[in-house]
Amino acid sequence: MNLRSQVHEEITYTANIRGMLADAEGFKQAALSLRRFAAKVLATNVTTSPLLRLFLSKSGYDLTKASGGLIGMSNSLGSSDGSLALHLSAVHLGLKLPRDYSDEFLRQIETRMAGRSG
C-alpha cells in the first residue's frame, strides 16, 4: 500500500473515532500516528528528486500542505471548534483525496474561528 493510501486510511479512521477516544492514551496514540504520517509525507517531499517534485506540483499535489494538515489534525483532535475539519481539508487537498467538506462549510468555520480570536 502506498503512503497516500495509508494516510487516507489513517485520517478516515481517526476523524471518525475521535469522539470515542475518551482516554488520554487513545488520543496520544492517534496524535502520534498522525504525526508519524506527517513526517513520512514531508520526508517524501524533501528526499524525492526535483523532477518528481515538479511533476507532483504540476499534478496538483502539495506534500507540504498535506504534512501541515496532518500535524494540525494531531493538535486539534480534542477540539470542537472546527479546526479538525480545516486541517483534514488541507490533507485532502494536498494529497488530492476526496474531500469531506465543502468550501462554504470551511469558510463558515474560518469565519467563526476568526470571530473568536478577534
Protein backbone atom coordinates (compact mmCIF):
# COMPACT_ATOMS: atom_id res chain seq x y z
CA MET A 1 0.00 0.00 0.00
CA ASN A 2 1.44 3.39 -0.89
CA LEU A 3 1.83 6.31 1.50
CA ARG A 4 -1.11 8.25 0.07
CA SER A 5 -3.43 5.28 0.67
CA GLN A 6 -2.08 4.77 4.18
CA VAL A 7 -2.63 8.43 5.05
CA HIS A 8 -6.17 8.28 3.65
CA GLU A 9 -6.93 5.22 5.76
CA GLU A 10 -5.49 6.83 8.90
CA ILE A 11 -7.29 10.16 8.57
CA THR A 12 -10.59 8.44 7.81
CA TYR A 13 -10.19 6.20 10.84
CA THR A 14 -9.02 8.97 13.17
CA ALA A 15 -11.61 11.52 12.09
CA ASN A 16 -14.40 9.01 12.65
CA ILE A 17 -13.30 7.63 16.02
CA ARG A 18 -12.09 10.79 17.73
CA GLY A 19 -15.33 11.08 19.69
CA MET A 20 -14.70 7.61 21.06
CA LEU A 21 -11.14 8.40 22.13
CA ALA A 22 -12.20 9.28 25.63
CA ASP A 23 -9.00 8.13 27.28
CA ALA A 24 -5.75 10.06 27.17
CA GLU A 25 -3.83 7.08 25.78
CA GLY A 26 -6.19 6.81 22.81
CA PHE A 27 -5.71 10.49 21.99
CA LYS A 28 -1.96 10.13 22.39
CA GLN A 29 -1.77 7.15 20.03
CA ALA A 30 -3.95 8.85 17.40
CA ALA A 31 -1.87 12.03 17.58
CA LEU A 32 1.39 10.08 17.33
CA SER A 33 0.14 8.18 14.31
CA LEU A 34 -0.87 11.39 12.52
CA ARG A 35 2.49 12.97 13.33
CA ARG A 36 4.34 9.90 12.04
CA PHE A 37 2.48 10.13 8.74
CA ALA A 38 3.19 13.87 8.59
CA ALA A 39 6.90 13.10 8.95
CA LYS A 40 6.72 10.47 6.20
CA VAL A 41 4.90 12.79 3.81
CA LEU A 42 7.34 15.62 4.48
CA ALA A 43 10.32 13.28 4.14
CA THR A 44 8.96 12.12 0.80
CA ASN A 45 8.76 15.74 -0.32
CA VAL A 46 12.30 16.52 0.83
CA THR A 47 14.03 13.40 -0.47
CA THR A 48 12.36 12.99 -3.84
CA SER A 49 14.08 14.19 -6.99
CA PRO A 50 13.47 17.75 -8.20
CA LEU A 51 11.91 16.38 -11.38
CA LEU A 52 9.42 14.26 -9.44
CA ARG A 53 8.64 17.19 -7.13
CA LEU A 54 7.91 19.32 -10.17
CA PHE A 55 5.68 16.61 -11.62
CA LEU A 56 3.77 16.26 -8.34
CA SER A 57 3.34 20.01 -8.07
CA LYS A 58 2.13 20.34 -11.66
CA SER A 59 -0.26 17.44 -11.00
CA GLY A 60 -1.81 19.31 -8.07
CA TYR A 61 -0.12 17.60 -5.14
CA ASP A 62 1.17 19.69 -2.26
CA LEU A 63 3.01 17.45 0.19
CA THR A 64 3.95 20.36 2.45
CA LYS A 65 0.28 21.29 2.81
CA ALA A 66 -0.65 17.68 3.48
CA SER A 67 2.05 17.31 6.11
CA GLY A 68 0.98 20.53 7.82
CA GLY A 69 -2.61 19.33 7.78
CA LEU A 70 -1.63 16.08 9.47
CA ILE A 71 0.25 17.95 12.21
CA GLY A 72 -2.73 20.27 12.59
CA MET A 73 -5.06 17.30 12.90
CA SER A 74 -2.88 15.80 15.62
CA ASN A 75 -3.04 19.09 17.53
CA SER A 76 -6.80 19.51 17.18
CA LEU A 77 -8.11 16.02 17.92
CA GLY A 78 -9.71 17.15 21.15
CA SER A 79 -11.06 20.45 19.89
CA SER A 80 -14.65 21.18 18.98
CA ASP A 81 -14.04 24.50 17.19
CA GLY A 82 -13.99 23.02 13.69
CA SER A 83 -10.23 23.24 13.28
CA LEU A 84 -10.02 19.49 12.68
CA ALA A 85 -12.15 19.93 9.54
CA LEU A 86 -9.82 22.67 8.28
CA HIS A 87 -6.74 20.51 8.80
CA LEU A 88 -8.42 17.46 7.31
CA SER A 89 -9.29 19.52 4.26
CA ALA A 90 -5.62 20.56 3.90
CA VAL A 91 -4.63 16.89 3.84
CA HIS A 92 -7.32 16.12 1.28
CA LEU A 93 -6.22 18.99 -0.95
CA GLY A 94 -2.50 18.28 -0.59
CA LEU A 95 -2.85 14.62 -1.48
CA LYS A 96 -5.72 15.05 -3.94
CA LEU A 97 -8.03 12.86 -1.88
CA PRO A 98 -11.83 13.04 -1.95
CA ARG A 99 -12.95 15.97 0.19
CA ASP A 100 -15.34 15.59 3.11
CA TYR A 101 -16.31 19.25 3.43
CA SER A 102 -17.47 21.93 1.02
CA ASP A 103 -15.66 25.24 0.60
CA GLU A 104 -18.70 27.01 2.06
CA PHE A 105 -18.65 24.89 5.22
CA LEU A 106 -14.92 25.52 5.66
CA ARG A 107 -15.43 29.28 5.18
CA GLN A 108 -18.09 29.22 7.91
CA ILE A 109 -15.64 27.56 10.29
CA GLU A 110 -12.91 30.06 9.43
CA THR A 111 -15.31 32.98 9.96
CA ARG A 112 -16.48 31.59 13.30
CA MET A 113 -12.89 31.00 14.44
CA ALA A 114 -11.81 34.49 13.34
CA GLY A 115 -14.69 35.95 15.37
CA ARG A 116 -13.49 34.16 18.48
CA SER A 117 -9.91 35.33 18.16
CA GLY A 118 -10.70 38.96 17.38
